[in-house]
Amino acid sequence: MIVGSFAMAAAIVLAFLRVPLAFALLAVSIVGIGFAINWNIAFQLLPLTISDAVLSYDLAVVPMFILMGNVISKTGIAQDLFRAAYAFVGNVRGGLALSTMVACSGFSAVCGSSYATAATMAKVAYPSMKKYKYSDELAAGTIAAGGTLGILIPPSIIMVVYGILTQTNIGDLFIAGVVPGLLGLAMYMLAIRFIAARDPAQAPKGEYTPWSEKLSALSGVWPFLLLFGLIIGGLYAKLFTPTEAAGMGAGLAVIIATLHGRLSLSVLRKIIIDTAYTSISLYTVLFGALMLSKLLTLSGLAAGVLALVQSTGLEGIALIMVIMLVFLVLGCVMDSMAIILIFVPLFAPIVVAQGFDLVWFGIIVIVVTEIALITPPVGMNVFVLKAVLPDVPVVRIFRGLVPFIAVDVVRLAFLVAFPGITLWLGSTVG
């Protein structure tokens, strides 16, 4: 248990120091297992863990969803969704921000990445909001907050990682994320309307769009509806597995981009290379996380923490609240993926021992990491946005995020207090 504790502390310190997470987790895990058991087992476990992960049927979902998101992002189809949303709500006060939030939710539904959603929408929506003299706070805050929907509205890469780490059904996680994701979208849009009503100068009205143009703009919506319907509808109806859904989604995205005339050989080459780089990076990080999970078990740290929690008398929702507080505090200073990879293997056995559903807990954890993506001082979505919008001060972005963080905390409270919000849709599958 002592070796495991030192290893966890080392992993956290290395994450703080911005050491590449994959190498930090692998190094800590190998050294920890070497000291806790013996070095031969440590070096034998590494290739076994990597081979098991690479040959895993469930893990094949990752590159397919990354490919699907890259096709939609790099062929300009995301811009069509923004134009369609703007055509219908752009002429109301705060309409451009509302359009951006709708576009973020639609794009995240086929992208699965918060960073990609924030970066793409910054390029698509921010120039339009500045044209109509939106405040930097509302414009940048809307994009940064909207980007967080990318890890909750399925398909989501973080859901896949959580499912693999906890041996939870990925399809059940995807279905469970739909209602909380839509709830987040609705609450974000209410926050925008509140800001626009309180300070109209921050959110001027856009131009009115005639009905003929509105109907024409709807052509930009069908690719997203088709992809989302195929993936979630197929999983809901138990027609195919998440891995099969990912393969069909990627194939359909390629077909859609080709039919739009936007997928040249040079663009396809860039998409495939980017998908390969991203997939390899994510796989390497996951190898480290799986090794860390083995270390927690072999060193006795997981059992020790469970015994410690039981000795405190904390149980039920009180225990969940303490765990969520730990995640929220860590989220202010650590990347969300690092939090998931390091701490979920530690807390998942405690949650199971308390009789909680791991699907529900997974959605709660993902909502907490969403909040972490936009909280200072290390809100990663904020710094992704800053890289795309170098003229917008970080302080203004964080200031614009305050209302969205507030509604996120309210949503988290609802999801913790009423698990049925998360589990209802999945319970109807049958």
Protein backbone atom coordinates (compact mmCIF):
# COMPACT_ATOMS: atom_id res chain seq x y z
CA MET A 1 0.00 0.00 0.00
CA ILE A 2 2.90 2.37 0.76
CA VAL A 3 4.43 1.79 -2.68
CA GLY A 4 1.06 2.45 -4.30
CA SER A 5 0.64 5.68 -2.34
CA PHE A 6 4.06 6.94 -3.40
CA ALA A 7 3.31 5.98 -7.01
CA MET A 8 0.01 7.90 -6.99
CA ALA A 9 1.75 10.94 -5.50
CA ALA A 10 4.46 10.72 -8.15
CA ALA A 11 1.87 10.48 -10.94
CA ILE A 12 0.08 13.59 -9.63
CA VAL A 13 3.33 15.56 -9.33
CA LEU A 14 4.40 14.60 -12.86
CA ALA A 15 0.96 15.61 -14.18
CA PHE A 16 1.33 18.99 -12.45
CA LEU A 17 4.78 19.41 -14.03
CA ARG A 18 3.24 18.79 -17.48
CA VAL A 19 5.31 15.68 -18.12
CA PRO A 20 3.62 13.84 -21.04
CA LEU A 21 0.91 11.84 -19.29
CA ALA A 22 1.57 8.58 -21.13
CA PHE A 23 5.24 8.46 -20.12
CA ALA A 24 4.49 9.60 -16.57
CA LEU A 25 1.90 6.85 -15.99
CA LEU A 26 4.01 4.14 -17.61
CA ALA A 27 7.16 5.06 -15.67
CA VAL A 28 5.36 5.33 -12.32
CA SER A 29 3.50 2.05 -12.88
CA ILE A 30 6.56 0.03 -13.91
CA VAL A 31 8.67 1.34 -11.03
CA GLY A 32 5.80 0.87 -8.56
CA ILE A 33 5.10 -2.73 -9.60
CA GLY A 34 8.84 -3.43 -9.58
CA PHE A 35 9.15 -2.30 -5.95
CA ALA A 36 5.80 -3.78 -4.82
CA ILE A 37 6.20 -7.22 -6.44
CA ASN A 38 9.36 -7.68 -8.51
CA TRP A 39 10.92 -6.23 -11.63
CA ASN A 40 10.41 -9.31 -13.81
CA ILE A 41 6.65 -9.12 -13.33
CA ALA A 42 6.71 -5.36 -13.98
CA PHE A 43 8.42 -5.78 -17.34
CA GLN A 44 6.28 -8.80 -18.28
CA LEU A 45 3.05 -6.94 -17.51
CA LEU A 46 3.90 -4.08 -19.86
CA PRO A 47 3.82 -6.03 -23.18
CA LEU A 48 0.87 -8.12 -21.94
CA THR A 49 -1.11 -4.99 -21.10
CA ILE A 50 -0.28 -3.33 -24.43
CA SER A 51 -1.14 -6.44 -26.47
CA ASP A 52 -4.43 -6.95 -24.60
CA ALA A 53 -5.40 -3.31 -25.20
CA VAL A 54 -4.37 -3.26 -28.87
CA LEU A 55 -6.28 -6.48 -29.58
CA SER A 56 -9.32 -5.30 -27.60
CA TYR A 57 -12.48 -5.17 -29.70
CA ASP A 58 -13.88 -2.35 -27.56
CA LEU A 59 -10.80 -0.15 -28.01
CA ALA A 60 -11.21 -0.22 -31.81
CA VAL A 61 -14.00 2.31 -31.28
CA VAL A 62 -11.46 5.09 -30.59
CA PRO A 63 -9.82 5.65 -34.03
CA MET A 64 -13.16 5.27 -35.80
CA PHE A 65 -14.84 8.04 -33.79
CA ILE A 66 -11.74 10.23 -34.14
CA LEU A 67 -11.85 9.68 -37.91
CA MET A 68 -15.55 10.60 -38.02
CA GLY A 69 -14.97 13.83 -36.10
CA ASN A 70 -11.98 14.78 -38.26
CA VAL A 71 -13.94 14.28 -41.48
CA ILE A 72 -16.78 16.52 -40.25
CA SER A 73 -14.36 19.12 -38.88
CA LYS A 74 -11.90 19.39 -41.76
CA THR A 75 -14.40 19.37 -44.64
CA GLY A 76 -16.35 22.42 -43.42
CA ILE A 77 -19.57 20.56 -42.64
CA ALA A 78 -19.51 22.06 -39.12
CA GLN A 79 -19.94 25.53 -40.67
CA ASP A 80 -23.17 24.37 -42.33
CA LEU A 81 -24.62 23.47 -38.94
CA PHE A 82 -23.78 26.91 -37.53
CA ARG A 83 -25.41 28.64 -40.53
CA ALA A 84 -28.56 26.56 -40.09
CA ALA A 85 -28.80 27.39 -36.38
CA TYR A 86 -28.21 31.10 -37.07
CA ALA A 87 -30.92 31.17 -39.74
CA PHE A 88 -33.55 30.26 -37.14
CA VAL A 89 -32.45 32.09 -33.98
CA GLY A 90 -29.89 34.65 -35.15
CA ASN A 91 -32.32 37.58 -35.22
CA VAL A 92 -33.20 37.41 -31.49
CA ARG A 93 -31.05 39.09 -28.86
CA GLY A 94 -28.18 36.73 -28.12
CA GLY A 95 -29.12 34.71 -31.20
CA LEU A 96 -25.57 34.29 -32.46
CA ALA A 97 -24.50 32.91 -29.09
CA LEU A 98 -27.52 30.60 -29.07
CA SER A 99 -26.64 29.46 -32.60
CA THR A 100 -23.08 28.79 -31.50
CA MET A 101 -24.25 26.69 -28.56
CA VAL A 102 -26.58 24.62 -30.79
CA ALA A 103 -23.77 24.15 -33.31
CA CYS A 104 -21.39 23.09 -30.52
CA SER A 105 -23.85 20.44 -29.35
CA GLY A 106 -24.39 19.14 -32.88
CA PHE A 107 -20.70 19.07 -33.71
CA SER A 108 -19.80 17.43 -30.40
CA ALA A 109 -22.36 14.72 -31.14
CA VAL A 110 -20.19 13.51 -34.03
CA CYS A 111 -16.79 14.69 -32.80
CA GLY A 112 -16.48 13.45 -29.21
CA SER A 113 -13.73 15.92 -28.30
CA SER A 114 -14.13 19.12 -26.29
CA TYR A 115 -10.88 20.57 -27.59
CA ALA A 116 -11.81 19.97 -31.24
CA THR A 117 -15.30 21.40 -30.68
CA ALA A 118 -13.96 24.57 -29.03
CA ALA A 119 -11.23 25.10 -31.64
CA THR A 120 -13.57 24.51 -34.59
CA MET A 121 -16.36 26.74 -33.29
CA ALA A 122 -13.89 29.50 -32.45
CA LYS A 123 -12.99 29.66 -36.13
CA VAL A 124 -16.58 29.33 -37.32
CA ALA A 125 -18.60 31.45 -34.87
CA TYR A 126 -16.32 34.01 -33.23
CA PRO A 127 -15.84 36.23 -36.34
CA SER A 128 -19.61 36.49 -36.76
CA MET A 129 -20.15 37.43 -33.12
CA LYS A 130 -17.46 40.10 -33.32
CA LYS A 131 -19.03 41.45 -36.51
CA TYR A 132 -22.23 42.13 -34.55
CA LYS A 133 -20.25 43.61 -31.63
CA TYR A 134 -20.76 40.85 -29.09
CA SER A 135 -18.64 41.27 -25.98
CA ASP A 136 -15.48 39.18 -25.81
CA GLU A 137 -16.73 37.70 -22.53
CA LEU A 138 -19.97 36.33 -23.99
CA ALA A 139 -18.50 35.29 -27.34
CA ALA A 140 -15.48 33.45 -25.94
CA GLY A 141 -17.37 32.13 -22.89
CA THR A 142 -20.08 30.63 -25.11
CA ILE A 143 -17.55 28.83 -27.31
CA ALA A 144 -15.47 27.53 -24.39
CA ALA A 145 -18.55 26.30 -22.50
CA GLY A 146 -20.14 24.84 -25.63
CA GLY A 147 -16.97 22.89 -26.26
CA THR A 148 -17.43 20.99 -23.01
CA LEU A 149 -20.51 19.32 -24.48
CA GLY A 150 -18.09 17.37 -26.66
CA ILE A 151 -17.25 14.90 -23.90
CA LEU A 152 -20.82 14.27 -22.75
CA ILE A 153 -23.07 14.17 -25.81
CA PRO A 154 -22.21 10.80 -27.37
CA PRO A 155 -20.11 9.56 -28.98
CA SER A 156 -17.44 10.66 -26.51
CA ILE A 157 -13.81 9.60 -26.36
CA ILE A 158 -13.69 10.10 -22.59
CA MET A 159 -16.73 7.82 -22.21
CA VAL A 160 -14.81 5.14 -24.10
CA VAL A 161 -11.78 5.60 -21.83
CA TYR A 162 -13.96 5.48 -18.70
CA GLY A 163 -15.74 2.36 -19.97
CA ILE A 164 -12.45 0.56 -20.61
CA LEU A 165 -10.99 1.54 -17.23
CA THR A 166 -14.07 0.42 -15.28
CA GLN A 167 -15.22 -2.44 -17.55
CA THR A 168 -18.53 -0.61 -18.07
CA ASN A 169 -20.59 -1.13 -21.23
CA ILE A 170 -19.72 1.73 -23.59
CA GLY A 171 -23.10 1.61 -25.34
CA ASP A 172 -24.87 2.07 -22.00
CA LEU A 173 -22.64 5.07 -21.27
CA PHE A 174 -23.45 6.63 -24.65
CA ILE A 175 -27.20 6.27 -24.13
CA ALA A 176 -26.96 7.58 -20.56
CA GLY A 177 -25.14 10.72 -21.76
CA VAL A 178 -27.96 11.88 -24.07
CA VAL A 179 -30.38 13.38 -21.52
CA PRO A 180 -27.70 15.05 -19.31
CA GLY A 181 -26.09 16.42 -22.49
CA LEU A 182 -29.36 17.92 -23.74
CA LEU A 183 -30.05 19.25 -20.23
CA GLY A 184 -26.65 20.98 -20.31
CA LEU A 185 -27.44 22.51 -23.71
CA ALA A 186 -30.81 23.81 -22.48
CA MET A 187 -29.30 25.31 -19.32
CA TYR A 188 -26.48 26.96 -21.28
CA MET A 189 -29.03 28.54 -23.62
CA LEU A 190 -31.03 29.83 -20.64
CA ALA A 191 -27.82 31.36 -19.29
CA ILE A 192 -27.26 33.14 -22.62
CA ARG A 193 -30.82 34.49 -22.62
CA PHE A 194 -30.34 35.72 -19.05
CA ILE A 195 -27.10 37.52 -19.97
CA ALA A 196 -28.74 39.08 -23.04
CA ALA A 197 -31.74 40.28 -21.01
CA ARG A 198 -29.59 41.70 -18.19
CA ASP A 199 -27.09 43.47 -20.45
CA PRO A 200 -28.39 43.85 -24.04
CA ALA A 201 -25.17 45.58 -25.14
CA GLN A 202 -23.31 42.26 -24.77
CA ALA A 203 -25.60 40.43 -27.19
CA PRO A 204 -27.01 42.53 -30.07
CA LYS A 205 -29.58 41.14 -32.45
CA GLY A 206 -28.52 39.68 -35.78
CA GLU A 207 -30.18 40.03 -39.16
CA TYR A 208 -33.54 38.47 -39.96
CA THR A 209 -33.36 35.46 -42.27
CA PRO A 210 -36.24 34.93 -44.74
CA TRP A 211 -38.05 31.61 -44.59
CA SER A 212 -36.76 30.59 -48.01
CA GLU A 213 -33.19 30.87 -46.70
CA LYS A 214 -34.12 29.12 -43.43
CA LEU A 215 -35.43 26.13 -45.33
CA SER A 216 -32.37 26.13 -47.56
CA ALA A 217 -30.08 26.25 -44.51
CA LEU A 218 -31.65 23.07 -43.14
CA SER A 219 -29.58 21.14 -45.66
CA GLY A 220 -26.65 21.64 -43.28
CA VAL A 221 -28.41 19.76 -40.48
CA TRP A 222 -29.10 16.38 -42.03
CA PRO A 223 -25.52 15.00 -41.84
CA PHE A 224 -25.49 15.48 -38.06
CA LEU A 225 -28.99 14.08 -37.58
CA LEU A 226 -28.13 11.10 -39.75
CA LEU A 227 -24.88 10.32 -37.92
CA PHE A 228 -26.37 10.84 -34.45
CA GLY A 229 -29.46 8.81 -35.37
CA LEU A 230 -27.37 5.97 -36.78
CA ILE A 231 -25.09 5.73 -33.75
CA ILE A 232 -27.47 6.35 -30.85
CA GLY A 233 -30.53 4.87 -32.57
CA GLY A 234 -28.62 1.70 -33.42
CA LEU A 235 -27.22 1.37 -29.90
CA TYR A 236 -30.62 2.09 -28.35
CA ALA A 237 -32.28 -0.56 -30.51
CA LYS A 238 -29.42 -3.01 -29.80
CA LEU A 239 -28.82 -3.37 -33.54
CA PHE A 240 -25.05 -3.20 -33.21
CA THR A 241 -22.18 -2.73 -30.77
CA PRO A 242 -20.38 0.59 -30.10
CA THR A 243 -17.44 -0.60 -32.19
CA GLU A 244 -19.70 -1.42 -35.13
CA ALA A 245 -21.47 1.93 -34.67
CA ALA A 246 -18.10 3.71 -34.78
CA GLY A 247 -17.10 1.96 -38.00
CA MET A 248 -20.41 2.74 -39.70
CA GLY A 249 -20.32 6.32 -38.45
CA ALA A 250 -16.82 6.89 -39.84
CA GLY A 251 -17.81 5.32 -43.16
CA LEU A 252 -20.99 7.38 -43.38
CA ALA A 253 -19.07 10.60 -42.59
CA VAL A 254 -16.69 9.86 -45.48
CA ILE A 255 -19.65 9.23 -47.82
CA ILE A 256 -21.39 12.46 -46.72
CA ALA A 257 -18.24 14.54 -47.24
CA THR A 258 -17.73 12.95 -50.65
CA LEU A 259 -21.32 13.68 -51.70
CA HIS A 260 -20.78 17.31 -50.64
CA GLY A 261 -17.75 17.41 -52.94
CA ARG A 262 -15.42 18.37 -50.11
CA LEU A 263 -13.25 15.29 -49.70
CA SER A 264 -10.31 15.51 -52.09
CA LEU A 265 -7.41 13.08 -51.88
CA SER A 266 -5.19 15.71 -50.23
CA VAL A 267 -7.83 16.45 -47.56
CA LEU A 268 -8.37 12.72 -46.97
CA ARG A 269 -4.64 12.23 -46.55
CA LYS A 270 -4.47 14.99 -43.90
CA ILE A 271 -7.49 13.52 -42.10
CA ILE A 272 -5.99 10.02 -41.97
CA ILE A 273 -2.60 11.29 -40.73
CA ASP A 274 -4.22 13.44 -38.04
CA THR A 275 -6.44 10.53 -36.99
CA ALA A 276 -3.41 8.24 -36.72
CA TYR A 277 -1.44 10.72 -34.60
CA THR A 278 -4.37 11.37 -32.26
CA SER A 279 -5.21 7.67 -31.92
CA ILE A 280 -1.62 6.69 -31.15
CA SER A 281 -1.36 9.44 -28.52
CA LEU A 282 -4.57 8.33 -26.87
CA TYR A 283 -3.64 4.64 -27.00
CA THR A 284 -0.29 5.36 -25.35
CA VAL A 285 -1.95 7.28 -22.53
CA LEU A 286 -4.44 4.46 -22.07
CA PHE A 287 -1.63 1.89 -21.82
CA GLY A 288 -0.21 3.90 -18.93
CA ALA A 289 -3.61 4.12 -17.24
CA LEU A 290 -4.16 0.37 -17.51
CA MET A 291 -0.73 -0.26 -16.00
CA LEU A 292 -1.53 2.18 -13.18
CA SER A 293 -4.77 0.31 -12.51
CA LYS A 294 -2.80 -2.93 -12.15
CA LEU A 295 -0.41 -1.20 -9.75
CA LEU A 296 -3.30 0.01 -7.58
CA THR A 297 -4.54 -3.59 -7.30
CA LEU A 298 -1.19 -5.33 -6.85
CA SER A 299 0.12 -2.81 -4.28
CA GLY A 300 -3.06 -3.07 -2.19
CA LEU A 301 -3.73 0.67 -2.45
CA ALA A 302 -7.24 0.25 -3.87
CA ALA A 303 -8.22 -2.14 -1.06
CA GLY A 304 -6.56 0.14 1.50
CA VAL A 305 -8.44 3.23 0.34
CA LEU A 306 -11.71 1.26 0.38
CA ALA A 307 -11.04 0.15 3.97
CA LEU A 308 -10.13 3.72 4.94
CA VAL A 309 -13.37 5.09 3.49
CA GLN A 310 -15.38 2.42 5.28
CA SER A 311 -13.71 3.30 8.58
CA THR A 312 -14.76 6.97 8.26
CA GLY A 313 -18.43 6.02 8.23
CA LEU A 314 -19.06 7.99 5.02
CA GLU A 315 -21.59 6.31 2.77
CA GLY A 316 -24.22 6.97 0.15
CA ILE A 317 -24.58 10.41 -1.36
CA ALA A 318 -22.31 11.97 1.28
CA LEU A 319 -19.43 9.85 -0.02
CA ILE A 320 -20.25 10.72 -3.64
CA MET A 321 -20.23 14.41 -2.73
CA VAL A 322 -16.76 14.08 -1.19
CA ILE A 323 -15.47 12.31 -4.31
CA MET A 324 -16.99 15.01 -6.54
CA LEU A 325 -15.37 17.71 -4.41
CA VAL A 326 -12.00 16.02 -4.90
CA PHE A 327 -12.55 15.96 -8.67
CA LEU A 328 -13.63 19.62 -8.73
CA VAL A 329 -10.58 20.77 -6.79
CA LEU A 330 -8.24 18.68 -8.96
CA GLY A 331 -9.96 20.03 -12.06
CA CYS A 332 -8.77 23.54 -11.22
CA VAL A 333 -5.15 22.50 -11.64
CA MET A 334 -5.10 19.31 -13.75
CA ASP A 335 -6.17 18.25 -17.21
CA SER A 336 -9.48 16.36 -17.26
CA MET A 337 -8.03 13.31 -19.01
CA ALA A 338 -5.33 13.06 -16.34
CA ILE A 339 -8.01 13.14 -13.63
CA ILE A 340 -9.99 10.35 -15.29
CA LEU A 341 -6.96 8.16 -15.90
CA ILE A 342 -5.39 8.53 -12.46
CA PHE A 343 -8.35 8.70 -10.10
CA VAL A 344 -11.21 6.72 -11.67
CA PRO A 345 -9.42 3.35 -11.11
CA LEU A 346 -8.99 4.38 -7.46
CA PHE A 347 -12.56 5.51 -6.80
CA ALA A 348 -14.52 3.03 -8.96
CA PRO A 349 -14.19 0.09 -6.49
CA ILE A 350 -15.43 2.36 -3.68
CA VAL A 351 -18.46 3.37 -5.74
CA VAL A 352 -19.24 -0.28 -6.55
CA ALA A 353 -18.88 -1.25 -2.89
CA GLN A 354 -21.44 1.41 -2.00
CA GLY A 355 -23.91 -0.10 -4.45
CA PHE A 356 -23.92 2.75 -6.99
CA ASP A 357 -24.34 2.25 -10.71
CA LEU A 358 -21.06 2.73 -12.59
CA VAL A 359 -22.93 4.10 -15.61
CA TRP A 360 -24.49 6.84 -13.44
CA PHE A 361 -21.16 7.51 -11.74
CA GLY A 362 -19.45 7.76 -15.12
CA ILE A 363 -21.82 10.49 -16.29
CA ILE A 364 -21.33 12.35 -12.99
CA VAL A 365 -17.55 12.14 -13.38
CA ILE A 366 -17.76 13.41 -16.96
CA VAL A 367 -19.92 16.38 -15.90
CA VAL A 368 -17.34 17.22 -13.24
CA THR A 369 -14.54 17.05 -15.80
CA GLU A 370 -16.61 19.34 -18.04
CA ILE A 371 -16.56 21.91 -15.24
CA ALA A 372 -12.82 21.31 -14.87
CA LEU A 373 -12.30 22.20 -18.54
CA ILE A 374 -13.49 25.78 -17.95
CA THR A 375 -12.39 26.54 -14.38
CA PRO A 376 -9.29 28.60 -13.56
CA PRO A 377 -6.37 28.44 -13.37
CA VAL A 378 -6.00 25.51 -15.81
CA GLY A 379 -9.22 25.35 -17.81
CA MET A 380 -7.89 23.51 -20.85
CA ASN A 381 -10.73 24.63 -23.13
CA VAL A 382 -9.83 28.23 -22.28
CA PHE A 383 -6.24 27.75 -23.40
CA VAL A 384 -7.32 25.93 -26.57
CA LEU A 385 -9.52 28.94 -27.29
CA LYS A 386 -6.69 31.35 -26.47
CA ALA A 387 -4.48 29.60 -29.02
CA VAL A 388 -7.12 30.15 -31.72
CA LEU A 389 -8.06 33.68 -30.53
CA PRO A 390 -4.76 35.22 -29.37
CA ASP A 391 -6.23 38.75 -29.14
CA VAL A 392 -8.76 37.80 -26.43
CA PRO A 393 -7.29 38.01 -22.90
CA VAL A 394 -7.59 34.86 -20.78
CA VAL A 395 -9.13 36.91 -17.95
CA ARG A 396 -12.03 37.93 -20.20
CA ILE A 397 -12.65 34.34 -21.24
CA PHE A 398 -12.79 33.18 -17.61
CA ARG A 399 -15.05 36.11 -16.72
CA GLY A 400 -17.45 35.14 -19.50
CA LEU A 401 -17.53 31.56 -18.21
CA VAL A 402 -18.86 32.41 -14.73
CA PRO A 403 -22.59 32.02 -15.65
CA PHE A 404 -21.91 28.75 -17.45
CA ILE A 405 -19.95 27.31 -14.52
CA ALA A 406 -22.84 28.28 -12.23
CA VAL A 407 -25.43 26.39 -14.32
CA ASP A 408 -23.04 23.43 -14.59
CA VAL A 409 -22.91 23.19 -10.80
CA VAL A 410 -26.73 23.29 -10.67
CA ARG A 411 -26.94 20.54 -13.30
CA LEU A 412 -24.43 18.43 -11.37
CA ALA A 413 -26.56 18.78 -8.23
CA PHE A 414 -29.65 17.62 -10.16
CA LEU A 415 -27.86 14.59 -11.61
CA VAL A 416 -26.51 13.54 -8.21
CA ALA A 417 -29.84 14.05 -6.44
CA PHE A 418 -31.95 12.39 -9.16
CA PRO A 419 -30.09 9.44 -10.77
CA GLY A 420 -33.18 8.71 -12.87
CA ILE A 421 -32.33 11.69 -15.10
CA THR A 422 -29.22 9.81 -16.20
CA LEU A 423 -30.52 6.23 -16.18
CA TRP A 424 -34.06 6.68 -17.52
CA LEU A 425 -33.24 6.46 -21.24
CA GLY A 426 -31.04 3.40 -20.79
CA SER A 427 -33.69 1.69 -18.64
CA THR A 428 -36.16 1.88 -21.54
CA VAL A 429 -33.89 -0.17 -23.80
CA GLY A 430 -35.11 -3.69 -23.96
